[in-house]
Amino acid sequence: MDRHYTYTPEGVCASEICFDIVDGILHNVKFTGGCRGNTQGVALLAEGMRAEDVVKRLKGVDCHGGFSCPDQLAKAITACLAESRA
């Protein structure tokens, strides 16, 4: 599966998350807005990882009562994978 995906996160400072999934591997993760250092760090750490592994690591990460940019990235990847299987 080769797929470019754009996601609108909820409850966080970032207004958009974009990434590519190529053969199940995450590439080109970019956050628009959010805490620059944190979102850049998450994006760099996720680069080249299996999409499912990123979801396992980031799902449920909390910041200020239930929402975080890492958790929103996990939700975005999950939504992308679900759409590609449909």
PDB file of N, CA and C in Angstrom:
ATOM      1  N   MET A   1       0.838  -1.177   0.000  1.00  0.00           N
ATOM      2  CA  MET A   1       0.000   0.000   0.000  1.00  0.00           C
ATOM      3  C   MET A   1       0.882   1.239   0.000  1.00  0.00           C
ATOM      4  N   ASP A   2       0.713   2.090  -0.969  1.00  0.00           N
ATOM      5  CA  ASP A   2       1.355   3.395  -0.997  1.00  0.00           C
ATOM      6  C   ASP A   2       0.256   4.430  -0.862  1.00  0.00           C
ATOM      7  N   ARG A   3       0.373   5.265   0.162  1.00  0.00           N
ATOM      8  CA  ARG A   3      -0.733   6.168   0.438  1.00  0.00           C
ATOM      9  C   ARG A   3      -0.241   7.448   1.073  1.00  0.00           C
ATOM     10  N   HIS A   4      -0.694   8.607   0.580  1.00  0.00           N
ATOM     11  CA  HIS A   4      -0.482   9.887   1.252  1.00  0.00           C
ATOM     12  C   HIS A   4      -1.768  10.186   2.009  1.00  0.00           C
ATOM     13  N   TYR A   5      -1.646  10.656   3.223  1.00  0.00           N
ATOM     14  CA  TYR A   5      -2.825  10.873   4.055  1.00  0.00           C
ATOM     15  C   TYR A   5      -2.718  12.209   4.773  1.00  0.00           C
ATOM     16  N   THR A   6      -3.830  12.913   4.857  1.00  0.00           N
ATOM     17  CA  THR A   6      -3.926  14.163   5.606  1.00  0.00           C
ATOM     18  C   THR A   6      -5.046  14.003   6.627  1.00  0.00           C
ATOM     19  N   TYR A   7      -4.763  14.382   7.861  1.00  0.00           N
ATOM     20  CA  TYR A   7      -5.702  14.175   8.968  1.00  0.00           C
ATOM     21  C   TYR A   7      -5.860  15.481   9.737  1.00  0.00           C
ATOM     22  N   THR A   8      -7.082  15.780  10.148  1.00  0.00           N
ATOM     23  CA  THR A   8      -7.360  16.940  10.991  1.00  0.00           C
ATOM     24  C   THR A   8      -7.520  16.453  12.425  1.00  0.00           C
ATOM     25  N   PRO A   9      -6.532  16.744  13.289  1.00  0.00           N
ATOM     26  CA  PRO A   9      -6.590  16.264  14.670  1.00  0.00           C
ATOM     27  C   PRO A   9      -7.612  17.033  15.505  1.00  0.00           C
ATOM     28  N   GLU A  10      -7.986  16.426  16.626  1.00  0.00           N
ATOM     29  CA  GLU A  10      -8.945  17.037  17.546  1.00  0.00           C
ATOM     30  C   GLU A  10      -8.308  17.240  18.909  1.00  0.00           C
ATOM     31  N   GLY A  11      -8.602  18.388  19.534  1.00  0.00           N
ATOM     32  CA  GLY A  11      -8.218  18.614  20.921  1.00  0.00           C
ATOM     33  C   GLY A  11      -6.747  18.925  21.149  1.00  0.00           C
ATOM     34  N   VAL A  12      -6.000  19.229  20.076  1.00  0.00           N
ATOM     35  CA  VAL A  12      -4.574  19.559  20.218  1.00  0.00           C
ATOM     36  C   VAL A  12      -4.275  20.852  19.470  1.00  0.00           C
ATOM     37  N   CYS A  13      -3.087  21.374  19.696  1.00  0.00           N
ATOM     38  CA  CYS A  13      -2.674  22.625  19.047  1.00  0.00           C
ATOM     39  C   CYS A  13      -2.397  22.448  17.562  1.00  0.00           C
ATOM     40  N   ALA A  14      -1.942  21.287  17.154  1.00  0.00           N
ATOM     41  CA  ALA A  14      -1.682  21.039  15.736  1.00  0.00           C
ATOM     42  C   ALA A  14      -3.001  21.065  14.969  1.00  0.00           C
ATOM     43  N   SER A  15      -2.972  21.662  13.774  1.00  0.00           N
ATOM     44  CA  SER A  15      -4.194  21.760  12.972  1.00  0.00           C
ATOM     45  C   SER A  15      -4.263  20.734  11.850  1.00  0.00           C
ATOM     46  N   GLU A  16      -3.125  20.074  11.574  1.00  0.00           N
ATOM     47  CA  GLU A  16      -3.110  19.083  10.501  1.00  0.00           C
ATOM     48  C   GLU A  16      -1.916  18.148  10.684  1.00  0.00           C
ATOM     49  N   ILE A  17      -2.109  16.889  10.307  1.00  0.00           N
ATOM     50  CA  ILE A  17      -1.030  15.902  10.292  1.00  0.00           C
ATOM     51  C   ILE A  17      -1.036  15.257   8.917  1.00  0.00           C
ATOM     52  N   CYS A  18       0.125  15.251   8.258  1.00  0.00           N
ATOM     53  CA  CYS A  18       0.268  14.620   6.945  1.00  0.00           C
ATOM     54  C   CYS A  18       1.372  13.581   7.016  1.00  0.00           C
ATOM     55  N   PHE A  19       1.214  12.507   6.261  1.00  0.00           N
ATOM     56  CA  PHE A  19       2.243  11.476   6.202  1.00  0.00           C
ATOM     57  C   PHE A  19       2.006  10.583   5.002  1.00  0.00           C
ATOM     58  N   ASP A  20       3.007   9.783   4.697  1.00  0.00           N
ATOM     59  CA  ASP A  20       2.900   8.763   3.664  1.00  0.00           C
ATOM     60  C   ASP A  20       3.108   7.414   4.320  1.00  0.00           C
ATOM     61  N   ILE A  21       2.414   6.410   3.814  1.00  0.00           N
ATOM     62  CA  ILE A  21       2.672   5.025   4.191  1.00  0.00           C
ATOM     63  C   ILE A  21       3.032   4.293   2.907  1.00  0.00           C
ATOM     64  N   VAL A  22       4.244   3.764   2.864  1.00  0.00           N
ATOM     65  CA  VAL A  22       4.739   3.039   1.697  1.00  0.00           C
ATOM     66  C   VAL A  22       5.134   1.642   2.162  1.00  0.00           C
ATOM     67  N   ASP A  23       4.449   0.650   1.631  1.00  0.00           N
ATOM     68  CA  ASP A  23       4.695  -0.742   2.020  1.00  0.00           C
ATOM     69  C   ASP A  23       4.638  -0.927   3.536  1.00  0.00           C
ATOM     70  N   GLY A  24       3.690  -0.252   4.176  1.00  0.00           N
ATOM     71  CA  GLY A  24       3.491  -0.385   5.615  1.00  0.00           C
ATOM     72  C   GLY A  24       4.436   0.441   6.476  1.00  0.00           C
ATOM     73  N   ILE A  25       5.308   1.240   5.845  1.00  0.00           N
ATOM     74  CA  ILE A  25       6.301   2.031   6.567  1.00  0.00           C
ATOM     75  C   ILE A  25       5.920   3.509   6.510  1.00  0.00           C
ATOM     76  N   LEU A  26       6.043   4.197   7.635  1.00  0.00           N
ATOM     77  CA  LEU A  26       5.676   5.599   7.756  1.00  0.00           C
ATOM     78  C   LEU A  26       6.807   6.505   7.263  1.00  0.00           C
ATOM     79  N   HIS A  27       6.439   7.499   6.453  1.00  0.00           N
ATOM     80  CA  HIS A  27       7.407   8.461   5.906  1.00  0.00           C
ATOM     81  C   HIS A  27       6.797   9.858   5.887  1.00  0.00           C
ATOM     82  N   ASN A  28       7.670  10.853   5.893  1.00  0.00           N
ATOM     83  CA  ASN A  28       7.282  12.251   5.667  1.00  0.00           C
ATOM     84  C   ASN A  28       6.207  12.750   6.620  1.00  0.00           C
ATOM     85  N   VAL A  29       6.320  12.423   7.895  1.00  0.00           N
ATOM     86  CA  VAL A  29       5.348  12.881   8.889  1.00  0.00           C
ATOM     87  C   VAL A  29       5.554  14.372   9.122  1.00  0.00           C
ATOM     88  N   LYS A  30       4.475  15.137   8.989  1.00  0.00           N
ATOM     89  CA  LYS A  30       4.548  16.572   9.201  1.00  0.00           C
ATOM     90  C   LYS A  30       3.320  17.039   9.969  1.00  0.00           C
ATOM     91  N   PHE A  31       3.570  17.798  11.017  1.00  0.00           N
ATOM     92  CA  PHE A  31       2.508  18.428  11.791  1.00  0.00           C
ATOM     93  C   PHE A  31       2.456  19.899  11.400  1.00  0.00           C
ATOM     94  N   THR A  32       1.254  20.439  11.228  1.00  0.00           N
ATOM     95  CA  THR A  32       1.074  21.867  11.049  1.00  0.00           C
ATOM     96  C   THR A  32       0.595  22.412  12.381  1.00  0.00           C
ATOM     97  N   GLY A  33       1.360  23.332  12.946  1.00  0.00           N
ATOM     98  CA  GLY A  33       1.035  23.874  14.260  1.00  0.00           C
ATOM     99  C   GLY A  33       1.521  22.932  15.350  1.00  0.00           C
ATOM    100  N   GLY A  34       1.080  23.215  16.553  1.00  0.00           N
ATOM    101  CA  GLY A  34       1.507  22.400  17.689  1.00  0.00           C
ATOM    102  C   GLY A  34       2.830  22.895  18.258  1.00  0.00           C
ATOM    103  N   CYS A  35       3.310  22.221  19.254  1.00  0.00           N
ATOM    104  CA  CYS A  35       4.585  22.558  19.886  1.00  0.00           C
ATOM    105  C   CYS A  35       5.699  22.051  18.975  1.00  0.00           C
ATOM    106  N   ARG A  36       6.381  22.966  18.328  1.00  0.00           N
ATOM    107  CA  ARG A  36       7.309  22.617  17.250  1.00  0.00           C
ATOM    108  C   ARG A  36       8.320  21.543  17.650  1.00  0.00           C
ATOM    109  N   GLY A  37       8.963  21.704  18.783  1.00  0.00           N
ATOM    110  CA  GLY A  37       9.962  20.724  19.209  1.00  0.00           C
ATOM    111  C   GLY A  37       9.363  19.350  19.415  1.00  0.00           C
ATOM    112  N   ASN A  38       8.200  19.293  20.055  1.00  0.00           N
ATOM    113  CA  ASN A  38       7.557  18.003  20.315  1.00  0.00           C
ATOM    114  C   ASN A  38       7.082  17.337  19.029  1.00  0.00           C
ATOM    115  N   THR A  39       6.426  18.105  18.176  1.00  0.00           N
ATOM    116  CA  THR A  39       5.901  17.496  16.959  1.00  0.00           C
ATOM    117  C   THR A  39       7.031  17.094  16.007  1.00  0.00           C
ATOM    118  N   GLN A  40       8.097  17.903  15.951  1.00  0.00           N
ATOM    119  CA  GLN A  40       9.252  17.519  15.131  1.00  0.00           C
ATOM    120  C   GLN A  40       9.887  16.244  15.663  1.00  0.00           C
ATOM    121  N   GLY A  41      10.010  16.159  16.981  1.00  0.00           N
ATOM    122  CA  GLY A  41      10.602  14.965  17.586  1.00  0.00           C
ATOM    123  C   GLY A  41       9.788  13.717  17.312  1.00  0.00           C
ATOM    124  N   VAL A  42       8.478  13.807  17.478  1.00  0.00           N
ATOM    125  CA  VAL A  42       7.607  12.663  17.209  1.00  0.00           C
ATOM    126  C   VAL A  42       7.724  12.257  15.741  1.00  0.00           C
ATOM    127  N   ALA A  43       7.713  13.245  14.846  1.00  0.00           N
ATOM    128  CA  ALA A  43       7.799  12.961  13.415  1.00  0.00           C
ATOM    129  C   ALA A  43       9.112  12.256  13.071  1.00  0.00           C
ATOM    130  N   LEU A  44      10.212  12.735  13.619  1.00  0.00           N
ATOM    131  CA  LEU A  44      11.508  12.122  13.333  1.00  0.00           C
ATOM    132  C   LEU A  44      11.620  10.711  13.904  1.00  0.00           C
ATOM    133  N   LEU A  45      11.084  10.505  15.093  1.00  0.00           N
ATOM    134  CA  LEU A  45      11.135   9.178  15.692  1.00  0.00           C
ATOM    135  C   LEU A  45      10.263   8.175  14.932  1.00  0.00           C
ATOM    136  N   ALA A  46       9.145   8.646  14.383  1.00  0.00           N
ATOM    137  CA  ALA A  46       8.234   7.752  13.659  1.00  0.00           C
ATOM    138  C   ALA A  46       8.737   7.430  12.248  1.00  0.00           C
ATOM    139  N   GLU A  47       9.583   8.269  11.688  1.00  0.00           N
ATOM    140  CA  GLU A  47      10.086   8.081  10.319  1.00  0.00           C
ATOM    141  C   GLU A  47      10.738   6.715  10.152  1.00  0.00           C
ATOM    142  N   GLY A  48      10.279   5.977   9.144  1.00  0.00           N
ATOM    143  CA  GLY A  48      10.866   4.682   8.831  1.00  0.00           C
ATOM    144  C   GLY A  48      10.348   3.521   9.663  1.00  0.00           C
ATOM    145  N   MET A  49       9.424   3.789  10.578  1.00  0.00           N
ATOM    146  CA  MET A  49       8.862   2.709  11.409  1.00  0.00           C
ATOM    147  C   MET A  49       7.652   2.087  10.710  1.00  0.00           C
ATOM    148  N   ARG A  50       7.367   0.848  11.069  1.00  0.00           N
ATOM    149  CA  ARG A  50       6.133   0.216  10.598  1.00  0.00           C
ATOM    150  C   ARG A  50       4.954   0.983  11.191  1.00  0.00           C
ATOM    151  N   ALA A  51       3.964   1.279  10.360  1.00  0.00           N
ATOM    152  CA  ALA A  51       2.816   2.072  10.790  1.00  0.00           C
ATOM    153  C   ALA A  51       2.144   1.469  12.018  1.00  0.00           C
ATOM    154  N   GLU A  52       1.959   0.142  12.029  1.00  0.00           N
ATOM    155  CA  GLU A  52       1.303  -0.509  13.163  1.00  0.00           C
ATOM    156  C   GLU A  52       2.116  -0.351  14.455  1.00  0.00           C
ATOM    157  N   ASP A  53       3.436  -0.346  14.340  1.00  0.00           N
ATOM    158  CA  ASP A  53       4.277  -0.175  15.523  1.00  0.00           C
ATOM    159  C   ASP A  53       4.170   1.232  16.089  1.00  0.00           C
ATOM    160  N   VAL A  54       4.042   2.225  15.213  1.00  0.00           N
ATOM    161  CA  VAL A  54       3.865   3.604  15.676  1.00  0.00           C
ATOM    162  C   VAL A  54       2.552   3.709  16.444  1.00  0.00           C
ATOM    163  N   VAL A  55       1.500   3.104  15.921  1.00  0.00           N
ATOM    164  CA  VAL A  55       0.202   3.127  16.604  1.00  0.00           C
ATOM    165  C   VAL A  55       0.322   2.497  17.988  1.00  0.00           C
ATOM    166  N   LYS A  56       0.957   1.338  18.076  1.00  0.00           N
ATOM    167  CA  LYS A  56       1.111   0.645  19.362  1.00  0.00           C
ATOM    168  C   LYS A  56       1.844   1.509  20.380  1.00  0.00           C
ATOM    169  N   ARG A  57       2.858   2.236  19.934  1.00  0.00           N
ATOM    170  CA  ARG A  57       3.665   3.046  20.854  1.00  0.00           C
ATOM    171  C   ARG A  57       2.987   4.339  21.261  1.00  0.00           C
ATOM    172  N   LEU A  58       2.225   4.955  20.357  1.00  0.00           N
ATOM    173  CA  LEU A  58       1.719   6.302  20.616  1.00  0.00           C
ATOM    174  C   LEU A  58       0.259   6.361  21.055  1.00  0.00           C
ATOM    175  N   LYS A  59      -0.501   5.316  20.776  1.00  0.00           N
ATOM    176  CA  LYS A  59      -1.928   5.318  21.137  1.00  0.00           C
ATOM    177  C   LYS A  59      -2.092   5.502  22.636  1.00  0.00           C
ATOM    178  N   GLY A  60      -2.897   6.483  23.008  1.00  0.00           N
ATOM    179  CA  GLY A  60      -3.211   6.708  24.408  1.00  0.00           C
ATOM    180  C   GLY A  60      -2.269   7.649  25.144  1.00  0.00           C
ATOM    181  N   VAL A  61      -1.241   8.174  24.464  1.00  0.00           N
ATOM    182  CA  VAL A  61      -0.358   9.153  25.113  1.00  0.00           C
ATOM    183  C   VAL A  61      -1.207  10.367  25.473  1.00  0.00           C
ATOM    184  N   ASP A  62      -1.156  10.773  26.729  1.00  0.00           N
ATOM    185  CA  ASP A  62      -2.029  11.823  27.249  1.00  0.00           C
ATOM    186  C   ASP A  62      -1.281  13.147  27.403  1.00  0.00           C
ATOM    187  N   CYS A  63      -1.961  14.219  27.112  1.00  0.00           N
ATOM    188  CA  CYS A  63      -1.460  15.573  27.353  1.00  0.00           C
ATOM    189  C   CYS A  63      -2.678  16.447  27.637  1.00  0.00           C
ATOM    190  N   HIS A  64      -2.789  16.946  28.806  1.00  0.00           N
ATOM    191  CA  HIS A  64      -3.891  17.848  29.163  1.00  0.00           C
ATOM    192  C   HIS A  64      -5.266  17.189  29.048  1.00  0.00           C
ATOM    193  N   GLY A  65      -5.410  16.015  29.580  1.00  0.00           N
ATOM    194  CA  GLY A  65      -6.727  15.422  29.707  1.00  0.00           C
ATOM    195  C   GLY A  65      -7.228  14.586  28.550  1.00  0.00           C
ATOM    196  N   GLY A  66      -6.375  13.811  27.927  1.00  0.00           N
ATOM    197  CA  GLY A  66      -6.860  12.842  26.972  1.00  0.00           C
ATOM    198  C   GLY A  66      -6.438  13.024  25.538  1.00  0.00           C
ATOM    199  N   PHE A  67      -5.957  14.187  25.167  1.00  0.00           N
ATOM    200  CA  PHE A  67      -5.542  14.406  23.785  1.00  0.00           C
ATOM    201  C   PHE A  67      -4.065  14.751  23.756  1.00  0.00           C
ATOM    202  N   SER A  68      -3.366  14.287  22.737  1.00  0.00           N
ATOM    203  CA  SER A  68      -1.970  14.661  22.523  1.00  0.00           C
ATOM    204  C   SER A  68      -1.665  14.517  21.039  1.00  0.00           C
ATOM    205  N   CYS A  69      -0.641  15.216  20.585  1.00  0.00           N
ATOM    206  CA  CYS A  69      -0.241  15.071  19.176  1.00  0.00           C
ATOM    207  C   CYS A  69       0.205  13.639  18.864  1.00  0.00           C
ATOM    208  N   PRO A  70       0.977  12.981  19.750  1.00  0.00           N
ATOM    209  CA  PRO A  70       1.321  11.587  19.457  1.00  0.00           C
ATOM    210  C   PRO A  70       0.083  10.688  19.340  1.00  0.00           C
ATOM    211  N   ASP A  71      -0.872  10.853  20.241  1.00  0.00           N
ATOM    212  CA  ASP A  71      -2.093  10.049  20.177  1.00  0.00           C
ATOM    213  C   ASP A  71      -2.879  10.357  18.908  1.00  0.00           C
ATOM    214  N   GLN A  72      -2.913  11.617  18.506  1.00  0.00           N
ATOM    215  CA  GLN A  72      -3.619  11.984  17.284  1.00  0.00           C
ATOM    216  C   GLN A  72      -2.930  11.400  16.049  1.00  0.00           C
ATOM    217  N   LEU A  73      -1.601  11.319  16.064  1.00  0.00           N
ATOM    218  CA  LEU A  73      -0.892  10.654  14.975  1.00  0.00           C
ATOM    219  C   LEU A  73      -1.294   9.183  14.918  1.00  0.00           C
ATOM    220  N   ALA A  74      -1.381   8.534  16.064  1.00  0.00           N
ATOM    221  CA  ALA A  74      -1.814   7.133  16.108  1.00  0.00           C
ATOM    222  C   ALA A  74      -3.221   6.989  15.532  1.00  0.00           C
ATOM    223  N   LYS A  75      -4.118   7.911  15.866  1.00  0.00           N
ATOM    224  CA  LYS A  75      -5.483   7.865  15.335  1.00  0.00           C
ATOM    225  C   LYS A  75      -5.491   8.097  13.827  1.00  0.00           C
ATOM    226  N   ALA A  76      -4.641   9.006  13.359  1.00  0.00           N
ATOM    227  CA  ALA A  76      -4.560   9.275  11.929  1.00  0.00           C
ATOM    228  C   ALA A  76      -4.082   8.040  11.167  1.00  0.00           C
ATOM    229  N   ILE A  77      -3.059   7.386  11.690  1.00  0.00           N
ATOM    230  CA  ILE A  77      -2.537   6.176  11.040  1.00  0.00           C
ATOM    231  C   ILE A  77      -3.596   5.088  11.032  1.00  0.00           C
ATOM    232  N   THR A  78      -4.288   4.919  12.150  1.00  0.00           N
ATOM    233  CA  THR A  78      -5.349   3.906  12.253  1.00  0.00           C
ATOM    234  C   THR A  78      -6.434   4.183  11.218  1.00  0.00           C
ATOM    235  N   ALA A  79      -6.832   5.454  11.066  1.00  0.00           N
ATOM    236  CA  ALA A  79      -7.866   5.808  10.088  1.00  0.00           C
ATOM    237  C   ALA A  79      -7.377   5.535   8.670  1.00  0.00           C
ATOM    238  N   CYS A  80      -6.141   5.866   8.384  1.00  0.00           N
ATOM    239  CA  CYS A  80      -5.567   5.622   7.056  1.00  0.00           C
ATOM    240  C   CYS A  80      -5.549   4.140   6.728  1.00  0.00           C
ATOM    241  N   LEU A  81      -5.088   3.330   7.686  1.00  0.00           N
ATOM    242  CA  LEU A  81      -5.026   1.895   7.465  1.00  0.00           C
ATOM    243  C   LEU A  81      -6.415   1.296   7.276  1.00  0.00           C
ATOM    244  N   ALA A  82      -7.402   1.791   8.038  1.00  0.00           N
ATOM    245  CA  ALA A  82      -8.772   1.299   7.910  1.00  0.00           C
ATOM    246  C   ALA A  82      -9.339   1.641   6.531  1.00  0.00           C
ATOM    247  N   GLU A  83      -9.071   2.841   6.060  1.00  0.00           N
ATOM    248  CA  GLU A  83      -9.571   3.242   4.727  1.00  0.00           C
ATOM    249  C   GLU A  83      -8.943   2.401   3.631  1.00  0.00           C
ATOM    250  N   SER A  84      -7.676   2.083   3.787  1.00  0.00           N
ATOM    251  CA  SER A  84      -6.999   1.321   2.731  1.00  0.00           C
ATOM    252  C   SER A  84      -7.466  -0.132   2.698  1.00  0.00           C
ATOM    253  N   ARG A  85      -7.996  -0.630   3.812  1.00  0.00           N
ATOM    254  CA  ARG A  85      -8.491  -2.016   3.859  1.00  0.00           C
ATOM    255  C   ARG A  85      -9.928  -2.117   3.364  1.00  0.00           C
ATOM    256  N   ALA A  86     -10.609  -0.970   3.349  1.00  0.00           N
ATOM    257  CA  ALA A  86     -12.035  -0.957   2.948  1.00  0.00           C
ATOM    258  C   ALA A  86     -12.209  -1.124   1.461  1.00  0.00           C
TER     259      ALA A  86
END
